[in-house]
Amino acid sequence: MCSSDDLPVAKTLAELAALTERERALYVRWSRGPEIDLGSVSSRDDLTGVRMPGLSANPLDVENWWGDRSRTLWVARRLYDYAHLPHEKGPGVRPWVLTGGETGRGPDNEPLVTDARPLCWIDPSVIEEARTEVARQEAQWGPLRRSGR
């Protein structure tokens, strides 16, 4: 396990998109950080309190059906979908990228990741960049209604 302070920080969507070209089995976790999460290596279902057999995370890998569309836009969409979590989960919650293996699915069909290896933090400016990129697509994609944003 590494210190959270030692993790590099991704500062642009383009940087994260490049990471998806070099690495596979990438996930974004919204939490207080690897030092806390990797101690127990499990998440708890917020509704029932049940412990799950891995860390709840969101996949970052580009799916084949995305075709030759922009990787940067893919990453923006993946971040946009969960950018509300720091407001819901409280102070200190921020996104970080990890790699690992899936052991199952959580109640929202999210992957549960084991053997997690932290790769980097995601700077808050990247989340704003993601929101801007998704907003630019609204005329082509249609409205993406997400509560609390």
N, C-alpha and C. Protein backbone atom coordinates (compact mmCIF):
# COMPACT_ATOMS: atom_id res chain seq x y z
N MET A 1 0.85 -1.17 0.00
CA MET A 1 0.00 0.00 0.00
C MET A 1 0.89 1.23 0.00
N CYS A 2 0.52 2.21 -0.78
CA CYS A 2 1.31 3.45 -0.85
C CYS A 2 0.59 4.55 -0.09
N SER A 3 1.35 5.55 0.27
CA SER A 3 0.76 6.71 0.91
C SER A 3 -0.02 7.51 -0.12
N SER A 4 -1.19 7.98 0.27
CA SER A 4 -1.99 8.81 -0.64
C SER A 4 -1.23 10.05 -1.07
N ASP A 5 -0.36 10.53 -0.19
CA ASP A 5 0.42 11.72 -0.52
C ASP A 5 1.42 11.46 -1.64
N ASP A 6 1.80 10.21 -1.83
CA ASP A 6 2.77 9.86 -2.86
C ASP A 6 2.15 9.68 -4.23
N LEU A 7 0.84 9.63 -4.31
CA LEU A 7 0.19 9.40 -5.60
C LEU A 7 0.30 10.63 -6.49
N PRO A 8 0.56 10.41 -7.79
CA PRO A 8 0.54 11.55 -8.71
C PRO A 8 -0.90 12.06 -8.84
N VAL A 9 -1.05 13.22 -9.44
CA VAL A 9 -2.37 13.82 -9.63
C VAL A 9 -2.59 14.03 -11.12
N ALA A 10 -3.68 13.46 -11.66
CA ALA A 10 -4.07 13.71 -13.05
C ALA A 10 -4.70 15.09 -13.09
N LYS A 11 -4.19 15.93 -13.98
CA LYS A 11 -4.65 17.33 -14.01
C LYS A 11 -5.48 17.69 -15.22
N THR A 12 -5.64 16.75 -16.18
CA THR A 12 -6.47 17.02 -17.36
C THR A 12 -7.21 15.76 -17.79
N LEU A 13 -8.31 15.97 -18.50
CA LEU A 13 -9.02 14.84 -19.10
C LEU A 13 -8.12 14.11 -20.08
N ALA A 14 -7.33 14.86 -20.83
CA ALA A 14 -6.44 14.25 -21.82
C ALA A 14 -5.44 13.31 -21.14
N GLU A 15 -4.97 13.68 -19.99
CA GLU A 15 -4.05 12.83 -19.23
C GLU A 15 -4.73 11.51 -18.82
N LEU A 16 -5.97 11.60 -18.36
CA LEU A 16 -6.71 10.39 -18.00
C LEU A 16 -7.02 9.54 -19.23
N ALA A 17 -7.36 10.19 -20.34
CA ALA A 17 -7.63 9.46 -21.58
C ALA A 17 -6.39 8.70 -22.02
N ALA A 18 -5.23 9.31 -21.91
CA ALA A 18 -3.98 8.64 -22.27
C ALA A 18 -3.74 7.44 -21.36
N LEU A 19 -4.11 7.55 -20.11
CA LEU A 19 -3.96 6.43 -19.18
C LEU A 19 -4.81 5.24 -19.63
N THR A 20 -6.01 5.50 -20.18
CA THR A 20 -6.87 4.40 -20.64
C THR A 20 -6.28 3.70 -21.86
N GLU A 21 -5.36 4.35 -22.56
CA GLU A 21 -4.68 3.69 -23.68
C GLU A 21 -3.55 2.79 -23.19
N ARG A 22 -2.93 3.15 -22.07
CA ARG A 22 -1.78 2.40 -21.56
C ARG A 22 -2.14 1.27 -20.62
N GLU A 23 -3.24 1.43 -19.89
CA GLU A 23 -3.62 0.48 -18.84
C GLU A 23 -5.02 -0.07 -19.09
N ARG A 24 -5.29 -1.25 -18.57
CA ARG A 24 -6.62 -1.85 -18.60
C ARG A 24 -7.07 -2.08 -17.16
N ALA A 25 -8.34 -2.42 -17.03
CA ALA A 25 -8.94 -2.66 -15.71
C ALA A 25 -8.78 -1.44 -14.81
N LEU A 26 -9.15 -0.28 -15.38
CA LEU A 26 -9.09 0.98 -14.64
C LEU A 26 -10.46 1.31 -14.07
N TYR A 27 -10.43 1.89 -12.87
CA TYR A 27 -11.66 2.27 -12.19
C TYR A 27 -11.46 3.61 -11.51
N VAL A 28 -12.56 4.32 -11.30
CA VAL A 28 -12.55 5.54 -10.51
C VAL A 28 -13.29 5.23 -9.22
N ARG A 29 -12.67 5.58 -8.13
CA ARG A 29 -13.29 5.41 -6.81
C ARG A 29 -13.43 6.80 -6.19
N TRP A 30 -14.59 7.07 -5.64
CA TRP A 30 -14.87 8.34 -4.97
C TRP A 30 -14.90 8.06 -3.48
N SER A 31 -13.85 8.46 -2.78
CA SER A 31 -13.75 8.15 -1.35
C SER A 31 -12.77 9.10 -0.68
N ARG A 32 -12.43 8.79 0.53
CA ARG A 32 -11.45 9.60 1.27
C ARG A 32 -10.02 9.17 0.96
N GLY A 33 -9.86 8.15 0.12
CA GLY A 33 -8.53 7.80 -0.37
C GLY A 33 -8.09 6.38 -0.13
N PRO A 34 -7.04 5.99 -0.83
CA PRO A 34 -6.53 4.63 -0.75
C PRO A 34 -6.07 4.20 0.63
N GLU A 35 -5.47 5.10 1.39
CA GLU A 35 -4.98 4.70 2.71
C GLU A 35 -6.11 4.19 3.59
N ILE A 36 -7.26 4.81 3.48
CA ILE A 36 -8.42 4.38 4.27
C ILE A 36 -9.04 3.13 3.64
N ASP A 37 -9.26 3.17 2.32
CA ASP A 37 -9.97 2.09 1.63
C ASP A 37 -9.21 0.77 1.62
N LEU A 38 -7.91 0.82 1.44
CA LEU A 38 -7.15 -0.41 1.29
C LEU A 38 -6.90 -1.12 2.61
N GLY A 39 -7.26 -0.48 3.71
CA GLY A 39 -7.16 -1.13 5.01
C GLY A 39 -8.17 -2.23 5.17
N SER A 40 -9.39 -2.03 4.65
CA SER A 40 -10.44 -3.05 4.79
C SER A 40 -10.78 -3.72 3.47
N VAL A 41 -10.48 -3.09 2.37
CA VAL A 41 -10.73 -3.59 1.01
C VAL A 41 -12.16 -4.08 0.82
N SER A 42 -13.09 -3.36 1.39
CA SER A 42 -14.48 -3.66 1.13
C SER A 42 -15.28 -2.37 1.27
N SER A 43 -16.38 -2.35 0.58
CA SER A 43 -17.31 -1.24 0.68
C SER A 43 -18.54 -1.71 1.43
N ARG A 44 -19.34 -0.77 1.84
CA ARG A 44 -20.58 -1.08 2.55
C ARG A 44 -21.72 -0.47 1.74
N ASP A 45 -22.76 -1.26 1.52
CA ASP A 45 -23.95 -0.77 0.84
C ASP A 45 -24.58 0.32 1.71
N ASP A 46 -24.74 1.51 1.15
CA ASP A 46 -25.26 2.64 1.92
C ASP A 46 -26.68 2.40 2.44
N LEU A 47 -27.49 1.70 1.68
CA LEU A 47 -28.88 1.50 2.07
C LEU A 47 -29.03 0.44 3.17
N THR A 48 -28.39 -0.71 3.01
CA THR A 48 -28.59 -1.82 3.94
C THR A 48 -27.49 -1.97 4.98
N GLY A 49 -26.32 -1.38 4.71
CA GLY A 49 -25.19 -1.54 5.62
C GLY A 49 -24.41 -2.83 5.41
N VAL A 50 -24.80 -3.63 4.44
CA VAL A 50 -24.14 -4.91 4.18
C VAL A 50 -22.74 -4.67 3.60
N ARG A 51 -21.75 -5.39 4.14
CA ARG A 51 -20.40 -5.31 3.61
C ARG A 51 -20.33 -6.07 2.28
N MET A 52 -19.61 -5.49 1.33
CA MET A 52 -19.46 -6.11 0.01
C MET A 52 -18.02 -6.58 -0.16
N PRO A 53 -17.79 -7.59 -1.00
CA PRO A 53 -16.46 -8.20 -1.12
C PRO A 53 -15.49 -7.47 -2.05
N GLY A 54 -15.42 -6.16 -1.94
CA GLY A 54 -14.50 -5.38 -2.76
C GLY A 54 -14.85 -3.91 -2.64
N LEU A 55 -14.04 -3.10 -3.30
CA LEU A 55 -14.28 -1.66 -3.30
C LEU A 55 -15.23 -1.28 -4.42
N SER A 56 -16.27 -0.57 -4.08
CA SER A 56 -17.22 -0.08 -5.07
C SER A 56 -16.51 0.99 -5.91
N ALA A 57 -16.53 0.81 -7.23
CA ALA A 57 -15.84 1.74 -8.13
C ALA A 57 -16.58 1.80 -9.46
N ASN A 58 -16.19 2.74 -10.29
CA ASN A 58 -16.81 2.90 -11.60
C ASN A 58 -15.79 2.64 -12.69
N PRO A 59 -16.14 1.83 -13.69
CA PRO A 59 -15.18 1.49 -14.73
C PRO A 59 -14.79 2.70 -15.57
N LEU A 60 -13.52 2.75 -15.93
CA LEU A 60 -13.00 3.84 -16.74
C LEU A 60 -12.57 3.34 -18.12
N ASP A 61 -12.40 2.03 -18.27
CA ASP A 61 -11.99 1.47 -19.57
C ASP A 61 -12.99 1.83 -20.66
N VAL A 62 -12.46 2.13 -21.83
CA VAL A 62 -13.31 2.44 -22.98
C VAL A 62 -13.91 1.15 -23.52
N GLU A 63 -15.22 1.13 -23.67
CA GLU A 63 -15.92 -0.05 -24.20
C GLU A 63 -15.79 -0.11 -25.72
N ASN A 64 -15.78 -1.33 -26.26
CA ASN A 64 -15.64 -1.51 -27.70
C ASN A 64 -16.73 -0.80 -28.50
N TRP A 65 -17.95 -0.76 -27.97
CA TRP A 65 -19.05 -0.14 -28.71
C TRP A 65 -18.86 1.37 -28.87
N TRP A 66 -17.95 1.97 -28.11
CA TRP A 66 -17.68 3.39 -28.24
C TRP A 66 -17.00 3.70 -29.57
N GLY A 67 -16.39 2.66 -30.17
CA GLY A 67 -15.77 2.81 -31.48
C GLY A 67 -14.59 3.76 -31.47
N ASP A 68 -14.51 4.58 -32.51
CA ASP A 68 -13.36 5.48 -32.64
C ASP A 68 -13.68 6.89 -32.12
N ARG A 69 -14.70 6.99 -31.31
CA ARG A 69 -15.03 8.29 -30.71
C ARG A 69 -13.93 8.71 -29.73
N SER A 70 -13.96 9.93 -29.34
CA SER A 70 -12.95 10.52 -28.46
C SER A 70 -12.85 9.82 -27.11
N ARG A 71 -11.63 9.39 -26.78
CA ARG A 71 -11.38 8.82 -25.45
C ARG A 71 -11.57 9.88 -24.37
N THR A 72 -11.18 11.10 -24.69
CA THR A 72 -11.32 12.19 -23.74
C THR A 72 -12.79 12.40 -23.40
N LEU A 73 -13.65 12.32 -24.39
CA LEU A 73 -15.08 12.48 -24.15
C LEU A 73 -15.64 11.30 -23.36
N TRP A 74 -15.13 10.10 -23.62
CA TRP A 74 -15.53 8.92 -22.84
C TRP A 74 -15.21 9.15 -21.36
N VAL A 75 -13.98 9.56 -21.08
CA VAL A 75 -13.56 9.78 -19.70
C VAL A 75 -14.41 10.88 -19.06
N ALA A 76 -14.69 11.93 -19.83
CA ALA A 76 -15.54 13.01 -19.30
C ALA A 76 -16.90 12.47 -18.89
N ARG A 77 -17.48 11.64 -19.72
CA ARG A 77 -18.80 11.07 -19.40
C ARG A 77 -18.74 10.20 -18.15
N ARG A 78 -17.70 9.40 -18.03
CA ARG A 78 -17.57 8.51 -16.86
C ARG A 78 -17.43 9.32 -15.57
N LEU A 79 -16.69 10.42 -15.62
CA LEU A 79 -16.53 11.26 -14.43
C LEU A 79 -17.81 12.04 -14.14
N TYR A 80 -18.44 12.52 -15.17
CA TYR A 80 -19.66 13.32 -15.04
C TYR A 80 -20.75 12.54 -14.30
N ASP A 81 -20.88 11.28 -14.62
CA ASP A 81 -21.95 10.46 -14.05
C ASP A 81 -21.90 10.36 -12.53
N TYR A 82 -20.73 10.53 -11.93
CA TYR A 82 -20.60 10.35 -10.49
C TYR A 82 -20.02 11.57 -9.77
N ALA A 83 -19.97 12.69 -10.46
CA ALA A 83 -19.39 13.90 -9.88
C ALA A 83 -20.17 14.44 -8.68
N HIS A 84 -21.38 13.95 -8.49
CA HIS A 84 -22.19 14.37 -7.34
C HIS A 84 -21.78 13.70 -6.03
N LEU A 85 -21.00 12.65 -6.10
CA LEU A 85 -20.69 11.86 -4.90
C LEU A 85 -19.98 12.64 -3.78
N PRO A 86 -19.03 13.52 -4.07
CA PRO A 86 -18.42 14.26 -2.95
C PRO A 86 -19.45 15.05 -2.15
N HIS A 87 -20.48 15.58 -2.80
CA HIS A 87 -21.51 16.33 -2.09
C HIS A 87 -22.39 15.41 -1.26
N GLU A 88 -22.63 14.20 -1.76
CA GLU A 88 -23.47 13.25 -1.03
C GLU A 88 -22.73 12.55 0.10
N LYS A 89 -21.46 12.25 -0.11
CA LYS A 89 -20.71 11.44 0.85
C LYS A 89 -19.94 12.26 1.88
N GLY A 90 -19.85 13.58 1.66
CA GLY A 90 -19.27 14.43 2.69
C GLY A 90 -17.84 14.89 2.45
N PRO A 91 -17.33 15.65 3.41
CA PRO A 91 -16.00 16.25 3.28
C PRO A 91 -14.90 15.20 3.10
N GLY A 92 -13.92 15.55 2.29
CA GLY A 92 -12.77 14.68 2.09
C GLY A 92 -12.94 13.64 1.00
N VAL A 93 -14.15 13.50 0.45
CA VAL A 93 -14.38 12.53 -0.62
C VAL A 93 -13.92 13.13 -1.93
N ARG A 94 -13.05 12.39 -2.62
CA ARG A 94 -12.53 12.84 -3.91
C ARG A 94 -12.22 11.65 -4.79
N PRO A 95 -12.11 11.86 -6.09
CA PRO A 95 -11.90 10.74 -7.00
C PRO A 95 -10.42 10.36 -7.14
N TRP A 96 -10.21 9.05 -7.27
CA TRP A 96 -8.88 8.54 -7.54
C TRP A 96 -9.00 7.32 -8.46
N VAL A 97 -7.96 7.06 -9.22
CA VAL A 97 -7.95 5.98 -10.20
C VAL A 97 -7.19 4.79 -9.61
N LEU A 98 -7.75 3.60 -9.83
CA LEU A 98 -7.11 2.38 -9.38
C LEU A 98 -7.24 1.32 -10.47
N THR A 99 -6.47 0.29 -10.32
CA THR A 99 -6.60 -0.88 -11.16
C THR A 99 -6.75 -2.08 -10.24
N GLY A 100 -7.34 -3.14 -10.75
CA GLY A 100 -7.56 -4.33 -9.94
C GLY A 100 -8.47 -5.29 -10.66
N GLY A 101 -8.94 -6.30 -9.96
CA GLY A 101 -9.82 -7.30 -10.53
C GLY A 101 -11.21 -7.20 -9.96
N GLU A 102 -12.20 -7.54 -10.77
CA GLU A 102 -13.59 -7.50 -10.31
C GLU A 102 -13.93 -8.80 -9.60
N THR A 103 -14.61 -8.66 -8.46
CA THR A 103 -15.04 -9.83 -7.70
C THR A 103 -16.56 -9.97 -7.69
N GLY A 104 -17.26 -8.98 -8.19
CA GLY A 104 -18.71 -9.02 -8.22
C GLY A 104 -19.26 -7.65 -8.57
N ARG A 105 -20.54 -7.48 -8.30
CA ARG A 105 -21.24 -6.22 -8.58
C ARG A 105 -21.98 -5.77 -7.33
N GLY A 106 -22.00 -4.45 -7.15
CA GLY A 106 -22.73 -3.87 -6.03
C GLY A 106 -24.19 -3.66 -6.39
N PRO A 107 -24.97 -3.09 -5.48
CA PRO A 107 -26.40 -2.92 -5.67
C PRO A 107 -26.78 -1.98 -6.82
N ASP A 108 -25.87 -1.13 -7.25
CA ASP A 108 -26.12 -0.25 -8.40
C ASP A 108 -25.44 -0.80 -9.66
N ASN A 109 -25.11 -2.07 -9.63
CA ASN A 109 -24.44 -2.77 -10.72
C ASN A 109 -23.01 -2.28 -10.95
N GLU A 110 -22.44 -1.61 -9.96
CA GLU A 110 -21.07 -1.14 -10.07
C GLU A 110 -20.10 -2.28 -9.75
N PRO A 111 -18.94 -2.30 -10.40
CA PRO A 111 -17.95 -3.33 -10.09
C PRO A 111 -17.46 -3.22 -8.65
N LEU A 112 -17.18 -4.36 -8.07
CA LEU A 112 -16.53 -4.43 -6.77
C LEU A 112 -15.10 -4.91 -7.05
N VAL A 113 -14.13 -4.10 -6.70
CA VAL A 113 -12.74 -4.32 -7.11
C VAL A 113 -11.91 -4.84 -5.94
N THR A 114 -11.13 -5.89 -6.23
CA THR A 114 -10.18 -6.43 -5.26
C THR A 114 -8.77 -6.28 -5.83
N ASP A 115 -7.78 -6.58 -5.02
CA ASP A 115 -6.38 -6.43 -5.44
C ASP A 115 -6.14 -5.04 -6.01
N ALA A 116 -6.72 -4.06 -5.36
CA ALA A 116 -6.67 -2.67 -5.84
C ALA A 116 -5.26 -2.11 -5.73
N ARG A 117 -4.86 -1.43 -6.79
CA ARG A 117 -3.58 -0.72 -6.82
C ARG A 117 -3.86 0.72 -7.23
N PRO A 118 -3.66 1.68 -6.32
CA PRO A 118 -3.92 3.08 -6.64
C PRO A 118 -2.93 3.58 -7.69
N LEU A 119 -3.45 4.39 -8.63
CA LEU A 119 -2.59 4.95 -9.68
C LEU A 119 -2.44 6.46 -9.56
N CYS A 120 -3.54 7.17 -9.30
CA CYS A 120 -3.45 8.63 -9.19
C CYS A 120 -4.73 9.21 -8.61
N TRP A 121 -4.60 10.41 -8.08
CA TRP A 121 -5.74 11.23 -7.72
C TRP A 121 -6.23 11.92 -8.98
N ILE A 122 -7.46 12.41 -8.96
CA ILE A 122 -7.99 13.23 -10.05
C ILE A 122 -8.22 14.63 -9.48
N ASP A 123 -7.57 15.60 -10.08
CA ASP A 123 -7.69 16.98 -9.63
C ASP A 123 -9.13 17.47 -9.81
N PRO A 124 -9.65 18.28 -8.88
CA PRO A 124 -11.02 18.81 -9.02
C PRO A 124 -11.25 19.57 -10.32
N SER A 125 -10.22 20.18 -10.87
CA SER A 125 -10.38 20.90 -12.13
C SER A 125 -10.73 19.96 -13.28
N VAL A 126 -10.35 18.70 -13.17
CA VAL A 126 -10.68 17.71 -14.19
C VAL A 126 -12.18 17.42 -14.18
N ILE A 127 -12.78 17.43 -13.00
CA ILE A 127 -14.22 17.20 -12.89
C ILE A 127 -14.96 18.36 -13.55
N GLU A 128 -14.50 19.57 -13.34
CA GLU A 128 -15.11 20.72 -14.00
C GLU A 128 -14.92 20.64 -15.51
N GLU A 129 -13.75 20.21 -15.94
CA GLU A 129 -13.50 20.02 -17.37
C GLU A 129 -14.46 18.98 -17.96
N ALA A 130 -14.72 17.91 -17.20
CA ALA A 130 -15.65 16.87 -17.64
C ALA A 130 -17.06 17.44 -17.77
N ARG A 131 -17.49 18.22 -16.79
CA ARG A 131 -18.83 18.83 -16.86
C ARG A 131 -18.96 19.72 -18.09
N THR A 132 -17.93 20.48 -18.37
CA THR A 132 -17.94 21.36 -19.54
C THR A 132 -18.03 20.56 -20.83
N GLU A 133 -17.24 19.49 -20.93
CA GLU A 133 -17.25 18.65 -22.14
C GLU A 133 -18.62 18.00 -22.36
N VAL A 134 -19.22 17.49 -21.32
CA VAL A 134 -20.53 16.86 -21.45
C VAL A 134 -21.58 17.91 -21.82
N ALA A 135 -21.51 19.08 -21.22
CA ALA A 135 -22.47 20.14 -21.54
C ALA A 135 -22.38 20.54 -23.02
N ARG A 136 -21.19 20.51 -23.58
CA ARG A 136 -21.02 20.83 -25.01
C ARG A 136 -21.71 19.82 -25.91
N GLN A 137 -21.94 18.64 -25.43
CA GLN A 137 -22.53 17.58 -26.24
C GLN A 137 -24.05 17.57 -26.19
N GLU A 138 -24.64 18.38 -25.32
CA GLU A 138 -26.08 18.29 -25.09
C GLU A 138 -26.90 18.42 -26.36
N ALA A 139 -26.51 19.28 -27.28
CA ALA A 139 -27.26 19.44 -28.54
C ALA A 139 -27.24 18.17 -29.37
N GLN A 140 -26.16 17.41 -29.26
CA GLN A 140 -26.04 16.16 -30.01
C GLN A 140 -26.55 14.96 -29.23
N TRP A 141 -26.34 14.95 -27.93
CA TRP A 141 -26.67 13.79 -27.11
C TRP A 141 -28.07 13.87 -26.51
N GLY A 142 -28.54 15.05 -26.28
CA GLY A 142 -29.77 15.20 -25.52
C GLY A 142 -29.42 15.53 -24.08
N PRO A 143 -30.40 15.92 -23.28
CA PRO A 143 -30.12 16.29 -21.90
C PRO A 143 -29.80 15.07 -21.04
N LEU A 144 -28.80 15.22 -20.21
CA LEU A 144 -28.47 14.18 -19.22
C LEU A 144 -28.92 14.71 -17.88
N ARG A 145 -30.05 14.25 -17.42
CA ARG A 145 -30.59 14.77 -16.16
C ARG A 145 -30.00 14.00 -14.99
N ARG A 146 -29.28 14.70 -14.16
CA ARG A 146 -28.72 14.12 -12.96
C ARG A 146 -29.12 15.02 -11.81
N SER A 147 -29.74 14.47 -10.79
CA SER A 147 -30.17 15.28 -9.66
C SER A 147 -28.96 15.76 -8.86
N GLY A 148 -29.12 16.92 -8.25
CA GLY A 148 -28.08 17.43 -7.36
C GLY A 148 -26.90 18.05 -8.05
N ARG A 149 -27.03 18.41 -9.31
CA ARG A 149 -25.89 19.01 -10.02
C ARG A 149 -26.15 20.40 -10.43
